[in-house]
């Protein structure tokens, strides 16, 4: 991935407004930003560079199918999910600026910062 994104500013400052909370199958809790034109264009560029380089990218990450989100937890216990979503909704909206990015392998505890 890092080689496919070489020469691209992956973590250009990008303003986001998180306005909703969500849950993916498998106990994943996330916050969702408003899908701005800048965010969607940036994601489309990253997707294009990865696929051109032969990096296997899931269909759920294709532009137009991708759900913009920031994962908060990948292991919320099922009995606590409703309360966790409710707590997220209590603090929204959240203004944020993306200033960094990394390739992360959670299973092996590896983090490789990107430019």
N, C-alpha and C. Protein backbone atom coordinates (compact mmCIF):
# COMPACT_ATOMS: atom_id res chain seq x y z
N UNK A 1 0.81 -1.18 0.00
CA UNK A 1 0.00 0.00 0.00
C UNK A 1 0.85 1.25 0.00
N UNK A 2 1.87 1.26 0.85
CA UNK A 2 2.71 2.45 0.95
C UNK A 2 3.35 2.77 -0.40
N UNK A 3 3.82 1.76 -1.13
CA UNK A 3 4.44 1.99 -2.43
C UNK A 3 3.42 2.56 -3.42
N UNK A 4 2.20 2.07 -3.39
CA UNK A 4 1.15 2.55 -4.30
C UNK A 4 0.81 4.01 -4.04
N UNK A 5 0.98 4.45 -2.80
CA UNK A 5 0.63 5.83 -2.43
C UNK A 5 1.83 6.76 -2.41
N UNK A 6 3.00 6.23 -2.78
CA UNK A 6 4.23 7.04 -2.78
C UNK A 6 4.04 8.28 -3.64
N UNK A 7 4.51 9.41 -3.14
CA UNK A 7 4.41 10.66 -3.87
C UNK A 7 3.11 11.39 -3.68
N UNK A 8 2.16 10.77 -3.03
CA UNK A 8 0.86 11.39 -2.77
C UNK A 8 0.82 11.86 -1.32
N UNK A 9 0.28 13.05 -1.11
CA UNK A 9 0.09 13.51 0.27
C UNK A 9 -1.20 12.84 0.76
N UNK A 10 -1.03 11.76 1.50
CA UNK A 10 -2.17 10.97 1.96
C UNK A 10 -2.89 11.66 3.10
N UNK A 11 -2.14 12.35 3.93
CA UNK A 11 -2.74 12.95 5.12
C UNK A 11 -2.77 14.47 5.04
N UNK A 12 -3.17 14.99 3.87
CA UNK A 12 -3.33 16.44 3.77
C UNK A 12 -4.39 16.87 4.78
N UNK A 13 -4.22 18.02 5.43
CA UNK A 13 -5.26 18.45 6.36
C UNK A 13 -6.64 18.44 5.69
N UNK A 14 -7.56 17.70 6.30
CA UNK A 14 -8.90 17.52 5.75
C UNK A 14 -9.90 17.75 6.85
N UNK A 15 -10.72 18.78 6.72
CA UNK A 15 -11.71 19.11 7.75
C UNK A 15 -12.91 18.17 7.63
N UNK A 16 -13.33 17.63 8.78
CA UNK A 16 -14.49 16.73 8.84
C UNK A 16 -15.44 17.17 9.94
N UNK A 17 -16.71 16.91 9.72
CA UNK A 17 -17.71 17.09 10.76
C UNK A 17 -18.40 15.75 10.96
N UNK A 18 -18.13 15.12 12.11
CA UNK A 18 -18.77 13.84 12.42
C UNK A 18 -20.18 14.14 12.93
N UNK A 19 -21.19 13.57 12.25
CA UNK A 19 -22.57 13.90 12.57
C UNK A 19 -23.42 12.70 12.97
N UNK A 20 -22.89 11.49 12.82
CA UNK A 20 -23.70 10.32 13.18
C UNK A 20 -22.82 9.18 13.66
N UNK A 21 -23.45 8.26 14.36
CA UNK A 21 -22.77 7.07 14.85
C UNK A 21 -23.36 5.87 14.13
N UNK A 22 -22.56 4.82 14.00
CA UNK A 22 -23.04 3.64 13.33
C UNK A 22 -22.41 2.38 13.86
N UNK A 23 -22.94 1.26 13.37
CA UNK A 23 -22.46 -0.06 13.78
C UNK A 23 -22.35 -0.92 12.54
N UNK A 24 -21.20 -1.58 12.39
CA UNK A 24 -21.03 -2.58 11.35
C UNK A 24 -21.16 -3.95 12.01
N UNK A 25 -21.50 -4.96 11.22
CA UNK A 25 -21.59 -6.32 11.72
C UNK A 25 -20.26 -6.70 12.35
N UNK A 26 -20.32 -7.37 13.47
CA UNK A 26 -19.11 -7.81 14.15
C UNK A 26 -18.72 -6.91 15.30
N UNK A 27 -19.64 -6.18 15.85
CA UNK A 27 -19.43 -5.34 17.04
C UNK A 27 -18.58 -4.11 16.78
N UNK A 28 -18.57 -3.60 15.54
CA UNK A 28 -17.77 -2.43 15.19
C UNK A 28 -18.60 -1.16 15.38
N UNK A 29 -18.08 -0.25 16.18
CA UNK A 29 -18.73 1.03 16.46
C UNK A 29 -17.94 2.12 15.76
N UNK A 30 -18.64 3.04 15.09
CA UNK A 30 -17.93 4.08 14.34
C UNK A 30 -18.71 5.39 14.35
N UNK A 31 -17.97 6.46 14.03
CA UNK A 31 -18.57 7.78 13.81
C UNK A 31 -18.48 8.09 12.33
N UNK A 32 -19.51 8.74 11.81
CA UNK A 32 -19.54 9.06 10.38
C UNK A 32 -19.49 10.56 10.14
N UNK A 33 -18.56 10.96 9.27
CA UNK A 33 -18.48 12.37 8.90
C UNK A 33 -19.43 12.70 7.75
N UNK A 34 -19.77 13.96 7.62
CA UNK A 34 -20.50 14.39 6.43
C UNK A 34 -19.63 14.08 5.22
N UNK A 35 -20.20 13.46 4.20
CA UNK A 35 -19.39 13.09 3.03
C UNK A 35 -19.17 14.29 2.11
N UNK A 36 -18.17 15.12 2.41
CA UNK A 36 -17.89 16.30 1.61
C UNK A 36 -17.26 15.92 0.27
N UNK A 37 -17.29 16.85 -0.67
CA UNK A 37 -16.69 16.61 -1.98
C UNK A 37 -15.19 16.34 -1.84
N UNK A 38 -14.51 17.08 -0.95
CA UNK A 38 -13.08 16.87 -0.73
C UNK A 38 -12.79 15.47 -0.21
N UNK A 39 -13.57 15.02 0.77
CA UNK A 39 -13.37 13.70 1.35
C UNK A 39 -13.59 12.61 0.30
N UNK A 40 -14.68 12.71 -0.44
CA UNK A 40 -14.99 11.68 -1.45
C UNK A 40 -13.97 11.67 -2.58
N UNK A 41 -13.48 12.84 -2.98
CA UNK A 41 -12.46 12.90 -4.03
C UNK A 41 -11.15 12.29 -3.54
N UNK A 42 -10.79 12.58 -2.30
CA UNK A 42 -9.56 12.03 -1.73
C UNK A 42 -9.65 10.50 -1.67
N UNK A 43 -10.77 9.99 -1.20
CA UNK A 43 -10.95 8.54 -1.12
C UNK A 43 -10.90 7.90 -2.50
N UNK A 44 -11.50 8.54 -3.49
CA UNK A 44 -11.49 8.00 -4.86
C UNK A 44 -10.07 7.95 -5.41
N UNK A 45 -9.26 8.96 -5.12
CA UNK A 45 -7.87 8.98 -5.57
C UNK A 45 -7.07 7.86 -4.92
N UNK A 46 -7.24 7.67 -3.61
CA UNK A 46 -6.54 6.60 -2.91
C UNK A 46 -6.96 5.24 -3.47
N UNK A 47 -8.26 5.04 -3.65
CA UNK A 47 -8.77 3.78 -4.21
C UNK A 47 -8.16 3.52 -5.59
N UNK A 48 -8.15 4.55 -6.44
CA UNK A 48 -7.63 4.40 -7.79
C UNK A 48 -6.15 4.02 -7.78
N UNK A 49 -5.36 4.69 -6.95
CA UNK A 49 -3.93 4.38 -6.89
C UNK A 49 -3.68 2.96 -6.38
N UNK A 50 -4.45 2.54 -5.38
CA UNK A 50 -4.27 1.18 -4.85
C UNK A 50 -4.64 0.13 -5.89
N UNK A 51 -5.78 0.30 -6.55
CA UNK A 51 -6.21 -0.71 -7.52
C UNK A 51 -5.29 -0.75 -8.73
N UNK A 52 -4.80 0.40 -9.17
CA UNK A 52 -3.85 0.43 -10.30
C UNK A 52 -2.56 -0.30 -9.96
N UNK A 53 -2.19 -0.26 -8.68
CA UNK A 53 -0.95 -0.93 -8.25
C UNK A 53 -1.17 -2.41 -7.98
N UNK A 54 -2.38 -2.89 -8.16
CA UNK A 54 -2.66 -4.30 -7.95
C UNK A 54 -2.94 -4.68 -6.51
N UNK A 55 -3.17 -3.68 -5.66
CA UNK A 55 -3.51 -3.96 -4.26
C UNK A 55 -4.97 -4.43 -4.22
N UNK A 56 -5.21 -5.55 -3.59
CA UNK A 56 -6.57 -6.07 -3.47
C UNK A 56 -7.38 -5.17 -2.53
N UNK A 57 -8.43 -4.58 -3.07
CA UNK A 57 -9.27 -3.67 -2.29
C UNK A 57 -10.70 -4.20 -2.37
N UNK A 58 -11.34 -4.33 -1.23
CA UNK A 58 -12.70 -4.83 -1.17
C UNK A 58 -13.67 -3.94 -1.95
N UNK A 59 -14.69 -4.56 -2.53
CA UNK A 59 -15.71 -3.79 -3.25
C UNK A 59 -16.40 -2.75 -2.37
N UNK A 60 -16.45 -3.01 -1.07
CA UNK A 60 -17.10 -2.06 -0.18
C UNK A 60 -16.32 -0.75 -0.05
N UNK A 61 -15.11 -0.72 -0.58
CA UNK A 61 -14.30 0.50 -0.56
C UNK A 61 -14.32 1.24 -1.90
N UNK A 62 -15.08 0.72 -2.86
CA UNK A 62 -15.18 1.41 -4.15
C UNK A 62 -15.88 2.75 -3.96
N UNK A 63 -15.43 3.78 -4.69
CA UNK A 63 -16.15 5.05 -4.64
C UNK A 63 -17.63 4.82 -4.98
N UNK A 64 -18.49 5.44 -4.22
CA UNK A 64 -19.93 5.26 -4.39
C UNK A 64 -20.50 4.18 -3.50
N UNK A 65 -19.67 3.30 -2.98
CA UNK A 65 -20.11 2.23 -2.08
C UNK A 65 -19.51 2.39 -0.68
N UNK A 66 -18.37 3.04 -0.61
CA UNK A 66 -17.64 3.23 0.64
C UNK A 66 -18.46 4.07 1.61
N UNK A 67 -18.47 3.66 2.86
CA UNK A 67 -19.13 4.41 3.93
C UNK A 67 -18.04 5.16 4.70
N UNK A 68 -17.99 6.50 4.56
CA UNK A 68 -16.99 7.25 5.32
C UNK A 68 -17.21 7.04 6.82
N UNK A 69 -16.14 6.69 7.53
CA UNK A 69 -16.29 6.43 8.96
C UNK A 69 -14.94 6.46 9.66
N UNK A 70 -15.01 6.62 10.96
CA UNK A 70 -13.85 6.54 11.83
C UNK A 70 -14.19 5.49 12.89
N UNK A 71 -13.50 4.36 12.84
CA UNK A 71 -13.77 3.28 13.77
C UNK A 71 -13.36 3.68 15.18
N UNK A 72 -14.27 3.51 16.12
CA UNK A 72 -13.98 3.77 17.54
C UNK A 72 -13.58 2.49 18.24
N UNK A 73 -14.25 1.39 17.91
CA UNK A 73 -13.95 0.10 18.53
C UNK A 73 -14.38 -1.02 17.60
N UNK A 74 -13.59 -2.09 17.58
CA UNK A 74 -13.94 -3.26 16.77
C UNK A 74 -14.48 -4.39 17.63
N UNK A 75 -14.65 -4.13 18.94
CA UNK A 75 -15.04 -5.21 19.85
C UNK A 75 -16.02 -4.76 20.93
N UNK A 76 -17.01 -3.96 20.59
CA UNK A 76 -17.98 -3.55 21.59
C UNK A 76 -18.83 -4.77 21.95
N UNK A 77 -18.92 -5.14 23.22
CA UNK A 77 -19.77 -6.28 23.59
C UNK A 77 -21.22 -6.01 23.16
N UNK A 78 -21.86 -7.00 22.57
CA UNK A 78 -23.22 -6.82 22.07
C UNK A 78 -24.18 -6.20 23.09
N UNK A 79 -24.16 -6.62 24.35
CA UNK A 79 -25.11 -6.02 25.30
C UNK A 79 -24.86 -4.53 25.56
N UNK A 80 -23.67 -4.02 25.19
CA UNK A 80 -23.33 -2.62 25.44
C UNK A 80 -23.44 -1.73 24.21
N UNK A 81 -23.72 -2.32 23.04
CA UNK A 81 -23.71 -1.55 21.80
C UNK A 81 -24.73 -0.41 21.81
N UNK A 82 -25.94 -0.66 22.25
CA UNK A 82 -26.96 0.40 22.26
C UNK A 82 -26.52 1.57 23.12
N UNK A 83 -25.99 1.29 24.29
CA UNK A 83 -25.51 2.36 25.17
C UNK A 83 -24.32 3.09 24.55
N UNK A 84 -23.45 2.37 23.87
CA UNK A 84 -22.28 2.99 23.24
C UNK A 84 -22.71 3.93 22.11
N UNK A 85 -23.66 3.51 21.29
CA UNK A 85 -24.16 4.36 20.22
C UNK A 85 -24.84 5.59 20.82
N UNK A 86 -25.65 5.39 21.84
CA UNK A 86 -26.33 6.50 22.51
C UNK A 86 -25.32 7.51 23.04
N UNK A 87 -24.26 7.03 23.66
CA UNK A 87 -23.23 7.94 24.20
C UNK A 87 -22.57 8.74 23.09
N UNK A 88 -22.31 8.10 21.96
CA UNK A 88 -21.74 8.81 20.81
C UNK A 88 -22.67 9.92 20.34
N UNK A 89 -23.95 9.62 20.25
CA UNK A 89 -24.92 10.61 19.78
C UNK A 89 -25.00 11.81 20.72
N UNK A 90 -24.71 11.61 21.99
CA UNK A 90 -24.76 12.70 22.97
C UNK A 90 -23.67 13.74 22.75
N UNK A 91 -22.57 13.37 22.10
CA UNK A 91 -21.45 14.30 21.94
C UNK A 91 -21.33 14.85 20.51
N UNK A 92 -22.17 14.38 19.61
CA UNK A 92 -22.12 14.85 18.23
C UNK A 92 -22.85 16.18 18.08
N UNK A 93 -22.46 17.03 17.14
CA UNK A 93 -21.42 16.83 16.14
C UNK A 93 -20.03 17.11 16.72
N UNK A 94 -19.02 16.53 16.06
CA UNK A 94 -17.63 16.75 16.42
C UNK A 94 -16.90 17.27 15.19
N UNK A 95 -16.24 18.41 15.33
CA UNK A 95 -15.40 18.96 14.27
C UNK A 95 -14.00 18.38 14.43
N UNK A 96 -13.39 17.96 13.32
CA UNK A 96 -12.05 17.37 13.38
C UNK A 96 -11.28 17.71 12.12
N UNK A 97 -9.98 17.60 12.21
CA UNK A 97 -9.10 17.77 11.05
C UNK A 97 -8.18 16.57 10.98
N UNK A 98 -8.20 15.86 9.85
CA UNK A 98 -7.29 14.73 9.64
C UNK A 98 -5.91 15.31 9.36
N UNK A 99 -4.93 14.89 10.15
CA UNK A 99 -3.56 15.38 9.98
C UNK A 99 -2.55 14.24 9.85
N UNK A 100 -3.03 13.00 9.87
CA UNK A 100 -2.13 11.87 9.76
C UNK A 100 -2.86 10.65 9.23
N UNK A 101 -2.09 9.74 8.65
CA UNK A 101 -2.64 8.48 8.15
C UNK A 101 -1.58 7.41 8.29
N UNK A 102 -2.03 6.16 8.36
CA UNK A 102 -1.10 5.04 8.49
C UNK A 102 -1.72 3.79 7.93
N UNK A 103 -0.86 2.85 7.53
CA UNK A 103 -1.29 1.50 7.19
C UNK A 103 -1.17 0.72 8.49
N UNK A 104 -2.26 0.08 8.91
CA UNK A 104 -2.29 -0.59 10.21
C UNK A 104 -2.68 -2.05 10.04
N UNK A 105 -1.92 -2.92 10.68
CA UNK A 105 -2.24 -4.35 10.75
C UNK A 105 -2.54 -4.63 12.21
N UNK A 106 -3.84 -4.62 12.55
CA UNK A 106 -4.24 -4.80 13.95
C UNK A 106 -3.83 -6.17 14.49
N UNK A 107 -3.88 -7.19 13.66
CA UNK A 107 -3.58 -8.55 14.11
C UNK A 107 -2.12 -8.69 14.56
N UNK A 108 -1.24 -7.94 13.90
CA UNK A 108 0.18 -8.05 14.23
C UNK A 108 0.71 -6.84 14.99
N UNK A 109 -0.18 -5.89 15.31
CA UNK A 109 0.18 -4.69 16.03
C UNK A 109 1.28 -3.90 15.30
N UNK A 110 1.07 -3.71 13.96
CA UNK A 110 2.02 -2.99 13.12
C UNK A 110 1.36 -1.70 12.64
N UNK A 111 2.08 -0.59 12.75
CA UNK A 111 1.60 0.70 12.27
C UNK A 111 2.70 1.31 11.41
N UNK A 112 2.35 1.66 10.16
CA UNK A 112 3.32 2.31 9.27
C UNK A 112 2.73 3.65 8.83
N UNK A 113 3.25 4.75 9.42
CA UNK A 113 2.75 6.08 9.03
C UNK A 113 2.97 6.35 7.55
N UNK A 114 2.02 7.09 6.96
CA UNK A 114 2.10 7.50 5.56
C UNK A 114 2.34 9.01 5.51
N UNK A 115 2.92 9.49 4.41
CA UNK A 115 3.18 10.95 4.30
C UNK A 115 1.89 11.75 4.20
